[in-house]
């Protein structure tokens, strides 16, 4: 088999296999959609919980820093 015939064969084989692969993937995607929706809901809940947790931690740290600064200022004034 010459190089040209081999490359032509490989190109045809890739085209045929490439056109056949999306069909089973599409079928699996359609069959698994309810499960994907449940996973997406869980991911949204986790992201929201993480966001709220980060906000609470930042607020708490800011509060501690302000309290510490007020104490230092009060000590310096005395």
PDB file of N, CA and C in Angstrom:
ATOM      1  N   UNK A   1       0.855  -1.170   0.000  1.00  0.00           N
ATOM      2  CA  UNK A   1       0.000   0.000   0.000  1.00  0.00           C
ATOM      3  C   UNK A   1       0.902   1.235   0.000  1.00  0.00           C
ATOM      4  N   UNK A   2       0.656   2.126  -0.936  1.00  0.00           N
ATOM      5  CA  UNK A   2       1.482   3.330  -1.035  1.00  0.00           C
ATOM      6  C   UNK A   2       1.058   4.349   0.030  1.00  0.00           C
ATOM      7  N   UNK A   3       1.859   5.346   0.202  1.00  0.00           N
ATOM      8  CA  UNK A   3       1.599   6.371   1.222  1.00  0.00           C
ATOM      9  C   UNK A   3       0.326   7.125   0.892  1.00  0.00           C
ATOM     10  N   UNK A   4       0.104   7.416  -0.385  1.00  0.00           N
ATOM     11  CA  UNK A   4      -1.103   8.148  -0.776  1.00  0.00           C
ATOM     12  C   UNK A   4      -2.355   7.324  -0.511  1.00  0.00           C
ATOM     13  N   UNK A   5      -2.305   6.027  -0.843  1.00  0.00           N
ATOM     14  CA  UNK A   5      -3.459   5.169  -0.584  1.00  0.00           C
ATOM     15  C   UNK A   5      -3.707   5.027   0.920  1.00  0.00           C
ATOM     16  N   UNK A   6      -2.614   4.924   1.672  1.00  0.00           N
ATOM     17  CA  UNK A   6      -2.750   4.784   3.119  1.00  0.00           C
ATOM     18  C   UNK A   6      -3.371   6.038   3.730  1.00  0.00           C
ATOM     19  N   UNK A   7      -2.896   7.215   3.307  1.00  0.00           N
ATOM     20  CA  UNK A   7      -3.440   8.461   3.863  1.00  0.00           C
ATOM     21  C   UNK A   7      -4.901   8.630   3.447  1.00  0.00           C
ATOM     22  N   UNK A   8      -5.250   8.241   2.230  1.00  0.00           N
ATOM     23  CA  UNK A   8      -6.646   8.314   1.785  1.00  0.00           C
ATOM     24  C   UNK A   8      -7.508   7.375   2.619  1.00  0.00           C
ATOM     25  N   UNK A   9      -7.008   6.171   2.879  1.00  0.00           N
ATOM     26  CA  UNK A   9      -7.741   5.208   3.706  1.00  0.00           C
ATOM     27  C   UNK A   9      -7.950   5.752   5.116  1.00  0.00           C
ATOM     28  N   UNK A  10      -6.899   6.338   5.684  1.00  0.00           N
ATOM     29  CA  UNK A  10      -6.998   6.873   7.047  1.00  0.00           C
ATOM     30  C   UNK A  10      -8.000   8.013   7.096  1.00  0.00           C
ATOM     31  N   UNK A  11      -7.967   8.877   6.097  1.00  0.00           N
ATOM     32  CA  UNK A  11      -8.913  10.004   6.065  1.00  0.00           C
ATOM     33  C   UNK A  11     -10.340   9.495   5.981  1.00  0.00           C
ATOM     34  N   UNK A  12     -10.596   8.523   5.109  1.00  0.00           N
ATOM     35  CA  UNK A  12     -11.944   7.962   4.992  1.00  0.00           C
ATOM     36  C   UNK A  12     -12.373   7.269   6.289  1.00  0.00           C
ATOM     37  N   UNK A  13     -11.458   6.550   6.899  1.00  0.00           N
ATOM     38  CA  UNK A  13     -11.790   5.862   8.150  1.00  0.00           C
ATOM     39  C   UNK A  13     -12.125   6.867   9.250  1.00  0.00           C
ATOM     40  N   UNK A  14     -11.383   7.959   9.319  1.00  0.00           N
ATOM     41  CA  UNK A  14     -11.668   8.996  10.320  1.00  0.00           C
ATOM     42  C   UNK A  14     -13.007   9.668  10.061  1.00  0.00           C
ATOM     43  N   UNK A  15     -13.310   9.930   8.800  1.00  0.00           N
ATOM     44  CA  UNK A  15     -14.590  10.552   8.471  1.00  0.00           C
ATOM     45  C   UNK A  15     -15.763   9.650   8.845  1.00  0.00           C
ATOM     46  N   UNK A  16     -15.640   8.356   8.516  1.00  0.00           N
ATOM     47  CA  UNK A  16     -16.727   7.422   8.824  1.00  0.00           C
ATOM     48  C   UNK A  16     -16.884   7.268  10.336  1.00  0.00           C
ATOM     49  N   UNK A  17     -15.770   7.086  11.044  1.00  0.00           N
ATOM     50  CA  UNK A  17     -15.880   6.907  12.494  1.00  0.00           C
ATOM     51  C   UNK A  17     -16.315   8.205  13.173  1.00  0.00           C
ATOM     52  N   UNK A  18     -15.879   9.333  12.651  1.00  0.00           N
ATOM     53  CA  UNK A  18     -16.273  10.618  13.229  1.00  0.00           C
ATOM     54  C   UNK A  18     -17.738  10.914  13.049  1.00  0.00           C
ATOM     55  N   UNK A  19     -18.302  10.484  11.941  1.00  0.00           N
ATOM     56  CA  UNK A  19     -19.729  10.729  11.723  1.00  0.00           C
ATOM     57  C   UNK A  19     -20.589   9.761  12.522  1.00  0.00           C
ATOM     58  N   UNK A  20     -20.046   8.616  12.895  1.00  0.00           N
ATOM     59  CA  UNK A  20     -20.832   7.625  13.634  1.00  0.00           C
ATOM     60  C   UNK A  20     -20.781   7.859  15.143  1.00  0.00           C
ATOM     61  N   UNK A  21     -19.749   8.530  15.633  1.00  0.00           N
ATOM     62  CA  UNK A  21     -19.603   8.717  17.076  1.00  0.00           C
ATOM     63  C   UNK A  21     -20.647   9.639  17.705  1.00  0.00           C
ATOM     64  N   UNK A  22     -21.037  10.734  17.082  1.00  0.00           N
ATOM     65  CA  UNK A  22     -22.003  11.618  17.755  1.00  0.00           C
ATOM     66  C   UNK A  22     -23.378  11.000  17.984  1.00  0.00           C
ATOM     67  N   UNK A  23     -23.762  10.051  17.164  1.00  0.00           N
ATOM     68  CA  UNK A  23     -25.100   9.470  17.325  1.00  0.00           C
ATOM     69  C   UNK A  23     -25.266   8.732  18.653  1.00  0.00           C
ATOM     70  N   UNK A  24     -24.385   7.823  19.052  1.00  0.00           N
ATOM     71  CA  UNK A  24     -24.559   7.190  20.364  1.00  0.00           C
ATOM     72  C   UNK A  24     -24.417   8.188  21.514  1.00  0.00           C
ATOM     73  N   UNK A  25     -23.530   9.161  21.340  1.00  0.00           N
ATOM     74  CA  UNK A  25     -23.375  10.171  22.388  1.00  0.00           C
ATOM     75  C   UNK A  25     -24.657  10.977  22.536  1.00  0.00           C
ATOM     76  N   UNK A  26     -25.294  11.292  21.429  1.00  0.00           N
ATOM     77  CA  UNK A  26     -26.568  12.020  21.473  1.00  0.00           C
ATOM     78  C   UNK A  26     -27.640  11.191  22.168  1.00  0.00           C
ATOM     79  N   UNK A  27     -27.679   9.898  21.881  1.00  0.00           N
ATOM     80  CA  UNK A  27     -28.663   9.022  22.519  1.00  0.00           C
ATOM     81  C   UNK A  27     -28.416   8.930  24.020  1.00  0.00           C
ATOM     82  N   UNK A  28     -27.151   8.818  24.424  1.00  0.00           N
ATOM     83  CA  UNK A  28     -26.844   8.763  25.857  1.00  0.00           C
ATOM     84  C   UNK A  28     -27.210  10.065  26.539  1.00  0.00           C
ATOM     85  N   UNK A  29     -26.980  11.186  25.853  1.00  0.00           N
ATOM     86  CA  UNK A  29     -27.302  12.486  26.429  1.00  0.00           C
ATOM     87  C   UNK A  29     -28.807  12.610  26.639  1.00  0.00           C
ATOM     88  N   UNK A  30     -29.579  12.184  25.679  1.00  0.00           N
ATOM     89  CA  UNK A  30     -31.035  12.286  25.797  1.00  0.00           C
ATOM     90  C   UNK A  30     -31.568  11.369  26.886  1.00  0.00           C
ATOM     91  N   UNK A  31     -30.983  10.189  27.030  1.00  0.00           N
ATOM     92  CA  UNK A  31     -31.466   9.241  28.029  1.00  0.00           C
ATOM     93  C   UNK A  31     -31.103   9.693  29.440  1.00  0.00           C
ATOM     94  N   UNK A  32     -30.001  10.382  29.590  1.00  0.00           N
ATOM     95  CA  UNK A  32     -29.514  10.724  30.915  1.00  0.00           C
ATOM     96  C   UNK A  32     -29.890  12.145  31.338  1.00  0.00           C
ATOM     97  N   UNK A  33     -30.792  12.793  30.625  1.00  0.00           N
ATOM     98  CA  UNK A  33     -31.109  14.185  30.931  1.00  0.00           C
ATOM     99  C   UNK A  33     -31.704  14.374  32.324  1.00  0.00           C
ATOM    100  N   UNK A  34     -32.634  13.543  32.798  1.00  0.00           N
ATOM    101  CA  UNK A  34     -33.138  13.755  34.166  1.00  0.00           C
ATOM    102  C   UNK A  34     -32.036  13.657  35.226  1.00  0.00           C
ATOM    103  N   UNK A  35     -31.124  12.718  35.041  1.00  0.00           N
ATOM    104  CA  UNK A  35     -30.025  12.595  35.992  1.00  0.00           C
ATOM    105  C   UNK A  35     -29.130  13.822  35.937  1.00  0.00           C
ATOM    106  N   UNK A  36     -28.909  14.348  34.752  1.00  0.00           N
ATOM    107  CA  UNK A  36     -28.078  15.541  34.613  1.00  0.00           C
ATOM    108  C   UNK A  36     -28.749  16.736  35.278  1.00  0.00           C
ATOM    109  N   UNK A  37     -30.061  16.830  35.198  1.00  0.00           N
ATOM    110  CA  UNK A  37     -30.766  17.945  35.839  1.00  0.00           C
ATOM    111  C   UNK A  37     -30.623  17.872  37.354  1.00  0.00           C
ATOM    112  N   UNK A  38     -30.681  16.672  37.914  1.00  0.00           N
ATOM    113  CA  UNK A  38     -30.507  16.528  39.354  1.00  0.00           C
ATOM    114  C   UNK A  38     -29.093  16.920  39.772  1.00  0.00           C
ATOM    115  N   UNK A  39     -28.117  16.503  38.996  1.00  0.00           N
ATOM    116  CA  UNK A  39     -26.726  16.858  39.299  1.00  0.00           C
ATOM    117  C   UNK A  39     -26.541  18.363  39.186  1.00  0.00           C
ATOM    118  N   UNK A  40     -27.133  18.972  38.178  1.00  0.00           N
ATOM    119  CA  UNK A  40     -27.015  20.416  38.009  1.00  0.00           C
ATOM    120  C   UNK A  40     -27.642  21.155  39.185  1.00  0.00           C
ATOM    121  N   UNK A  41     -28.759  20.658  39.695  1.00  0.00           N
ATOM    122  CA  UNK A  41     -29.387  21.269  40.863  1.00  0.00           C
ATOM    123  C   UNK A  41     -28.463  21.179  42.075  1.00  0.00           C
ATOM    124  N   UNK A  42     -27.850  20.037  42.268  1.00  0.00           N
ATOM    125  CA  UNK A  42     -26.930  19.868  43.398  1.00  0.00           C
ATOM    126  C   UNK A  42     -25.742  20.811  43.251  1.00  0.00           C
ATOM    127  N   UNK A  43     -25.232  20.957  42.041  1.00  0.00           N
ATOM    128  CA  UNK A  43     -24.101  21.854  41.804  1.00  0.00           C
ATOM    129  C   UNK A  43     -24.488  23.292  42.114  1.00  0.00           C
ATOM    130  N   UNK A  44     -25.680  23.722  41.695  1.00  0.00           N
ATOM    131  CA  UNK A  44     -26.142  25.085  41.987  1.00  0.00           C
ATOM    132  C   UNK A  44     -26.262  25.307  43.494  1.00  0.00           C
ATOM    133  N   UNK A  45     -26.780  24.325  44.200  1.00  0.00           N
ATOM    134  CA  UNK A  45     -26.910  24.449  45.655  1.00  0.00           C
ATOM    135  C   UNK A  45     -25.535  24.559  46.302  1.00  0.00           C
ATOM    136  N   UNK A  46     -24.598  23.741  45.859  1.00  0.00           N
ATOM    137  CA  UNK A  46     -23.239  23.792  46.419  1.00  0.00           C
ATOM    138  C   UNK A  46     -22.569  25.129  46.120  1.00  0.00           C
ATOM    139  N   UNK A  47     -22.748  25.649  44.914  1.00  0.00           N
ATOM    140  CA  UNK A  47     -22.155  26.936  44.573  1.00  0.00           C
ATOM    141  C   UNK A  47     -22.758  28.054  45.408  1.00  0.00           C
ATOM    142  N   UNK A  48     -24.069  28.043  45.595  1.00  0.00           N
ATOM    143  CA  UNK A  48     -24.721  29.070  46.408  1.00  0.00           C
ATOM    144  C   UNK A  48     -24.266  28.979  47.860  1.00  0.00           C
ATOM    145  N   UNK A  49     -24.164  27.769  48.380  1.00  0.00           N
ATOM    146  CA  UNK A  49     -23.703  27.578  49.753  1.00  0.00           C
ATOM    147  C   UNK A  49     -22.268  28.063  49.916  1.00  0.00           C
ATOM    148  N   UNK A  50     -21.426  27.767  48.958  1.00  0.00           N
ATOM    149  CA  UNK A  50     -20.032  28.223  49.008  1.00  0.00           C
ATOM    150  C   UNK A  50     -19.967  29.741  48.962  1.00  0.00           C
ATOM    151  N   UNK A  51     -20.750  30.359  48.103  1.00  0.00           N
ATOM    152  CA  UNK A  51     -20.761  31.817  47.988  1.00  0.00           C
ATOM    153  C   UNK A  51     -21.194  32.461  49.301  1.00  0.00           C
ATOM    154  N   UNK A  52     -22.270  31.959  49.889  1.00  0.00           N
ATOM    155  CA  UNK A  52     -22.753  32.510  51.162  1.00  0.00           C
ATOM    156  C   UNK A  52     -21.714  32.294  52.263  1.00  0.00           C
ATOM    157  N   UNK A  53     -21.084  31.133  52.282  1.00  0.00           N
ATOM    158  CA  UNK A  53     -20.060  30.852  53.293  1.00  0.00           C
ATOM    159  C   UNK A  53     -18.890  31.813  53.160  1.00  0.00           C
ATOM    160  N   UNK A  54     -18.447  32.073  51.941  1.00  0.00           N
ATOM    161  CA  UNK A  54     -17.343  33.009  51.728  1.00  0.00           C
ATOM    162  C   UNK A  54     -17.742  34.402  52.191  1.00  0.00           C
ATOM    163  N   UNK A  55     -18.959  34.818  51.874  1.00  0.00           N
ATOM    164  CA  UNK A  55     -19.420  36.133  52.330  1.00  0.00           C
ATOM    165  C   UNK A  55     -19.443  36.228  53.852  1.00  0.00           C
ATOM    166  N   UNK A  56     -19.927  35.201  54.524  1.00  0.00           N
ATOM    167  CA  UNK A  56     -19.974  35.200  55.986  1.00  0.00           C
ATOM    168  C   UNK A  56     -18.570  35.249  56.574  1.00  0.00           C
ATOM    169  N   UNK A  57     -17.649  34.493  56.023  1.00  0.00           N
ATOM    170  CA  UNK A  57     -16.270  34.487  56.534  1.00  0.00           C
ATOM    171  C   UNK A  57     -15.630  35.856  56.333  1.00  0.00           C
ATOM    172  N   UNK A  58     -15.807  36.454  55.167  1.00  0.00           N
ATOM    173  CA  UNK A  58     -15.245  37.787  54.914  1.00  0.00           C
ATOM    174  C   UNK A  58     -15.850  38.803  55.860  1.00  0.00           C
ATOM    175  N   UNK A  59     -17.164  38.758  56.057  1.00  0.00           N
ATOM    176  CA  UNK A  59     -17.829  39.682  56.982  1.00  0.00           C
ATOM    177  C   UNK A  59     -17.296  39.496  58.408  1.00  0.00           C
ATOM    178  N   UNK A  60     -17.149  38.254  58.838  1.00  0.00           N
ATOM    179  CA  UNK A  60     -16.668  37.974  60.188  1.00  0.00           C
ATOM    180  C   UNK A  60     -15.228  38.464  60.381  1.00  0.00           C
ATOM    181  N   UNK A  61     -14.368  38.202  59.388  1.00  0.00           N
ATOM    182  CA  UNK A  61     -12.989  38.661  59.487  1.00  0.00           C
ATOM    183  C   UNK A  61     -12.921  40.190  59.498  1.00  0.00           C
ATOM    184  N   UNK A  62     -13.723  40.827  58.687  1.00  0.00           N
ATOM    185  CA  UNK A  62     -13.756  42.290  58.671  1.00  0.00           C
ATOM    186  C   UNK A  62     -14.202  42.835  60.016  1.00  0.00           C
ATOM    187  N   UNK A  63     -15.174  42.202  60.593  1.00  0.00           N
ATOM    188  CA  UNK A  63     -15.666  42.611  61.915  1.00  0.00           C
ATOM    189  C   UNK A  63     -14.571  42.459  62.974  1.00  0.00           C
ATOM    190  N   UNK A  64     -13.857  41.330  62.935  1.00  0.00           N
ATOM    191  CA  UNK A  64     -12.764  41.120  63.890  1.00  0.00           C
ATOM    192  C   UNK A  64     -11.655  42.155  63.702  1.00  0.00           C
ATOM    193  N   UNK A  65     -11.320  42.453  62.452  1.00  0.00           N
ATOM    194  CA  UNK A  65     -10.259  43.424  62.192  1.00  0.00           C
ATOM    195  C   UNK A  65     -10.670  44.814  62.694  1.00  0.00           C
ATOM    196  N   UNK A  66     -11.922  45.208  62.429  1.00  0.00           N
ATOM    197  CA  UNK A  66     -12.387  46.515  62.907  1.00  0.00           C
ATOM    198  C   UNK A  66     -12.394  46.580  64.429  1.00  0.00           C
ATOM    199  N   UNK A  67     -12.801  45.503  65.076  1.00  0.00           N
ATOM    200  CA  UNK A  67     -12.819  45.466  66.538  1.00  0.00           C
ATOM    201  C   UNK A  67     -11.399  45.581  67.090  1.00  0.00           C
ATOM    202  N   UNK A  68     -10.466  44.865  66.451  1.00  0.00           N
ATOM    203  CA  UNK A  68      -9.072  44.918  66.895  1.00  0.00           C
ATOM    204  C   UNK A  68      -8.493  46.326  66.694  1.00  0.00           C
ATOM    205  N   UNK A  69      -8.813  46.959  65.577  1.00  0.00           N
ATOM    206  CA  UNK A  69      -8.332  48.319  65.332  1.00  0.00           C
ATOM    207  C   UNK A  69      -8.910  49.298  66.356  1.00  0.00           C
ATOM    208  N   UNK A  70     -10.172  49.108  66.714  1.00  0.00           N
ATOM    209  CA  UNK A  70     -10.778  49.985  67.715  1.00  0.00           C
ATOM    210  C   UNK A  70     -10.107  49.796  69.072  1.00  0.00           C
ATOM    211  N   UNK A  71      -9.784  48.563  69.441  1.00  0.00           N
ATOM    212  CA  UNK A  71      -9.099  48.309  70.717  1.00  0.00           C
ATOM    213  C   UNK A  71      -7.709  48.941  70.722  1.00  0.00           C
ATOM    214  N   UNK A  72      -6.978  48.803  69.618  1.00  0.00           N
ATOM    215  CA  UNK A  72      -5.640  49.393  69.541  1.00  0.00           C
ATOM    216  C   UNK A  72      -5.706  50.913  69.636  1.00  0.00           C
ATOM    217  N   UNK A  73      -6.697  51.480  68.978  1.00  0.00           N
ATOM    218  CA  UNK A  73      -6.848  52.933  69.030  1.00  0.00           C
ATOM    219  C   UNK A  73      -7.197  53.383  70.443  1.00  0.00           C
ATOM    220  N   UNK A  74      -8.050  52.615  71.122  1.00  0.00           N
ATOM    221  CA  UNK A  74      -8.428  52.967  72.495  1.00  0.00           C
ATOM    222  C   UNK A  74      -7.219  52.867  73.422  1.00  0.00           C
ATOM    223  N   UNK A  75      -6.362  51.864  73.223  1.00  0.00           N
ATOM    224  CA  UNK A  75      -5.153  51.702  74.047  1.00  0.00           C
ATOM    225  C   UNK A  75      -4.171  52.854  73.812  1.00  0.00           C
ATOM    226  N   UNK A  76      -4.063  53.281  72.547  1.00  0.00           N
ATOM    227  CA  UNK A  76      -3.147  54.365  72.241  1.00  0.00           C
ATOM    228  C   UNK A  76      -3.643  55.693  72.825  1.00  0.00           C
ATOM    229  N   UNK A  77      -4.950  55.870  72.878  1.00  0.00           N
ATOM    230  CA  UNK A  77      -5.495  57.098  73.445  1.00  0.00           C
ATOM    231  C   UNK A  77      -5.302  57.176  74.941  1.00  0.00           C
ATOM    232  N   UNK A  78      -5.217  56.036  75.634  1.00  0.00           N
ATOM    233  CA  UNK A  78      -5.064  56.039  77.096  1.00  0.00           C
ATOM    234  C   UNK A  78      -3.717  56.422  77.528  1.00  0.00           C
TER     235      UNK A  78
END
